[in-house]
C-alpha atoms as a PDB file:
ATOM      1  CA  UNK A   1      -8.653  20.307  16.958  1.00  0.00           C
ATOM      2  CA  UNK A   2     -10.536  21.426  14.122  1.00  0.00           C
ATOM      3  CA  UNK A   3     -12.868  18.311  12.883  1.00  0.00           C
ATOM      4  CA  UNK A   4     -12.056  16.723   9.971  1.00  0.00           C
ATOM      5  CA  UNK A   5     -15.384  17.153   7.464  1.00  0.00           C
ATOM      6  CA  UNK A   6     -13.733  15.077   4.974  1.00  0.00           C
ATOM      7  CA  UNK A   7     -11.431  11.947   4.186  1.00  0.00           C
ATOM      8  CA  UNK A   8     -10.354  13.459   0.892  1.00  0.00           C
ATOM      9  CA  UNK A   9      -5.881  12.451   2.373  1.00  0.00           C
ATOM     10  CA  UNK A  10      -6.951   8.792   2.682  1.00  0.00           C
ATOM     11  CA  UNK A  11      -7.634   8.364  -0.913  1.00  0.00           C
ATOM     12  CA  UNK A  12      -5.151  10.402  -4.516  1.00  0.00           C
ATOM     13  CA  UNK A  13      -5.410   8.840  -7.561  1.00  0.00           C
ATOM     14  CA  UNK A  14      -2.344   9.914 -10.835  1.00  0.00           C
ATOM     15  CA  UNK A  15      -4.278   8.916 -13.599  1.00  0.00           C
ATOM     16  CA  UNK A  16      -1.766  11.348 -15.689  1.00  0.00           C
ATOM     17  CA  UNK A  17       1.050   8.531 -14.115  1.00  0.00           C
ATOM     18  CA  UNK A  18       2.645   6.812 -17.172  1.00  0.00           C
ATOM     19  CA  UNK A  19       2.396   3.436 -14.835  1.00  0.00           C
ATOM     20  CA  UNK A  20      -1.746   3.963 -13.560  1.00  0.00           C
ATOM     21  CA  UNK A  21      -2.571   2.049 -13.163  1.00  0.00           C
ATOM     22  CA  UNK A  22       0.781  -0.019 -12.048  1.00  0.00           C
ATOM     23  CA  UNK A  23      -0.745  -3.684 -11.400  1.00  0.00           C
ATOM     24  CA  UNK A  24      -3.958  -4.955 -13.554  1.00  0.00           C
ATOM     25  CA  UNK A  25      -7.280  -4.018 -11.326  1.00  0.00           C
ATOM     26  CA  UNK A  26     -11.000  -4.433 -12.300  1.00  0.00           C
ATOM     27  CA  UNK A  27     -11.312  -1.755 -10.318  1.00  0.00           C
ATOM     28  CA  UNK A  28      -9.825   1.657 -11.993  1.00  0.00           C
ATOM     29  CA  UNK A  29     -12.231   3.747 -10.650  1.00  0.00           C
ATOM     30  CA  UNK A  30     -11.091   2.659  -6.316  1.00  0.00           C
ATOM     31  CA  UNK A  31      -7.573   2.103  -7.039  1.00  0.00           C
ATOM     32  CA  UNK A  32      -5.486   4.694  -4.594  1.00  0.00           C
ATOM     33  CA  UNK A  33      -1.945   5.956  -5.959  1.00  0.00           C
ATOM     34  CA  UNK A  34      -1.164   7.123  -2.046  1.00  0.00           C
ATOM     35  CA  UNK A  35       0.949   3.972  -0.937  1.00  0.00           C
ATOM     36  CA  UNK A  36       2.423   4.510  -4.686  1.00  0.00           C
ATOM     37  CA  UNK A  37       6.000   2.195  -2.906  1.00  0.00           C
ATOM     38  CA  UNK A  38       4.076   0.083  -0.322  1.00  0.00           C
ATOM     39  CA  UNK A  39       5.036   1.131   2.837  1.00  0.00           C
ATOM     40  CA  UNK A  40       3.883  -1.943   4.262  1.00  0.00           C
ATOM     41  CA  UNK A  41       7.000  -4.180   1.649  1.00  0.00           C
ATOM     42  CA  UNK A  42       9.879  -3.635   4.877  1.00  0.00           C
ATOM     43  CA  UNK A  43       7.192  -5.852   7.122  1.00  0.00           C
ATOM     44  CA  UNK A  44       8.367  -9.330   4.542  1.00  0.00           C
ATOM     45  CA  UNK A  45       5.623 -11.874   5.586  1.00  0.00           C
ATOM     46  CA  UNK A  46       3.554 -10.099   7.844  1.00  0.00           C
ATOM     47  CA  UNK A  47       2.173  -7.473   4.938  1.00  0.00           C
ATOM     48  CA  UNK A  48      -0.904  -9.380   5.273  1.00  0.00           C
ATOM     49  CA  UNK A  49      -0.800  -8.567   1.271  1.00  0.00           C
ATOM     50  CA  UNK A  50      -0.603 -11.173  -2.016  1.00  0.00           C
ATOM     51  CA  UNK A  51       3.016 -11.463  -2.517  1.00  0.00           C
ATOM     52  CA  UNK A  52       5.673 -14.656  -3.415  1.00  0.00           C
ATOM     53  CA  UNK A  53       8.813 -15.278  -2.929  1.00  0.00           C
ATOM     54  CA  UNK A  54      11.067 -15.381  -6.546  1.00  0.00           C
ATOM     55  CA  UNK A  55      13.922 -18.080  -6.876  1.00  0.00           C
ATOM     56  CA  UNK A  56      16.294 -15.441  -5.497  1.00  0.00           C
ATOM     57  CA  UNK A  57      14.009 -14.320  -2.543  1.00  0.00           C
ATOM     58  CA  UNK A  58      13.198 -11.186  -3.678  1.00  0.00           C
ATOM     59  CA  UNK A  59       9.589 -10.616  -2.532  1.00  0.00           C
ATOM     60  CA  UNK A  60       7.666  -9.944  -5.496  1.00  0.00           C
ATOM     61  CA  UNK A  61       4.117  -8.047  -4.845  1.00  0.00           C
ATOM     62  CA  UNK A  62       3.299  -7.648  -7.938  1.00  0.00           C
ATOM     63  CA  UNK A  63      -0.379  -9.763  -7.984  1.00  0.00           C
ATOM     64  CA  UNK A  64      -0.857  -7.492  -4.480  1.00  0.00           C
ATOM     65  CA  UNK A  65      -3.036  -5.052  -4.343  1.00  0.00           C
ATOM     66  CA  UNK A  66      -3.493  -4.171  -1.156  1.00  0.00           C
ATOM     67  CA  UNK A  67      -1.645  -0.770  -1.077  1.00  0.00           C
ATOM     68  CA  UNK A  68      -4.237   0.149  -4.083  1.00  0.00           C
ATOM     69  CA  UNK A  69      -7.585  -0.895  -2.802  1.00  0.00           C
ATOM     70  CA  UNK A  70      -9.150   2.230  -1.438  1.00  0.00           C
ATOM     71  CA  UNK A  71     -10.998   0.840   1.104  1.00  0.00           C
ATOM     72  CA  UNK A  72      -7.397  -0.528   3.437  1.00  0.00           C
ATOM     73  CA  UNK A  73      -5.769   2.940   4.475  1.00  0.00           C
ATOM     74  CA  UNK A  74      -6.942   1.926   7.790  1.00  0.00           C
ATOM     75  CA  UNK A  75      -4.873  -1.599   7.640  1.00  0.00           C
ATOM     76  CA  UNK A  76      -2.117   0.219   6.576  1.00  0.00           C
ATOM     77  CA  UNK A  77      -2.203   2.719   8.764  1.00  0.00           C
ATOM     78  CA  UNK A  78      -2.850   0.189  11.913  1.00  0.00           C
ATOM     79  CA  UNK A  79       0.293  -1.387  10.612  1.00  0.00           C
ATOM     80  CA  UNK A  80       2.984   1.608  11.492  1.00  0.00           C
ATOM     81  CA  UNK A  81       4.115   0.655  14.816  1.00  0.00           C
ATOM     82  CA  UNK A  82       5.443  -3.482  13.159  1.00  0.00           C
ATOM     83  CA  UNK A  83       6.915  -0.462  10.654  1.00  0.00           C
ATOM     84  CA  UNK A  84       8.308   0.965  13.222  1.00  0.00           C
ATOM     85  CA  UNK A  85      10.111  -1.811  14.993  1.00  0.00           C
ATOM     86  CA  UNK A  86      11.798  -2.494  11.531  1.00  0.00           C
ATOM     87  CA  UNK A  87      13.754   1.110  11.096  1.00  0.00           C
ATOM     88  CA  UNK A  88      14.184   1.568  14.996  1.00  0.00           C
ATOM     89  CA  UNK A  89      17.653   1.472  15.750  1.00  0.00           C
ATOM     90  CA  UNK A  90      18.946  -2.304  17.816  1.00  0.00           C
END
């Protein structure tokens, strides 16, 4: 297996997106669009992000930057098996 010389795959930014940045941030330079739709959403209360539930019981992640921080790639990948469990056929 060939050793990777970069870690560019961990970060992507789409500044031309009509919604960029989709969350308020003070660090636009490091705003990561790689996980545009957060893979942790399905984990509910176990996602580790800054969320709240609306009165209707809908998870509101509008104040969460976990998937959009450059440094959180490894954290999201560490939750992959938890996501698999949610999706597993019972």
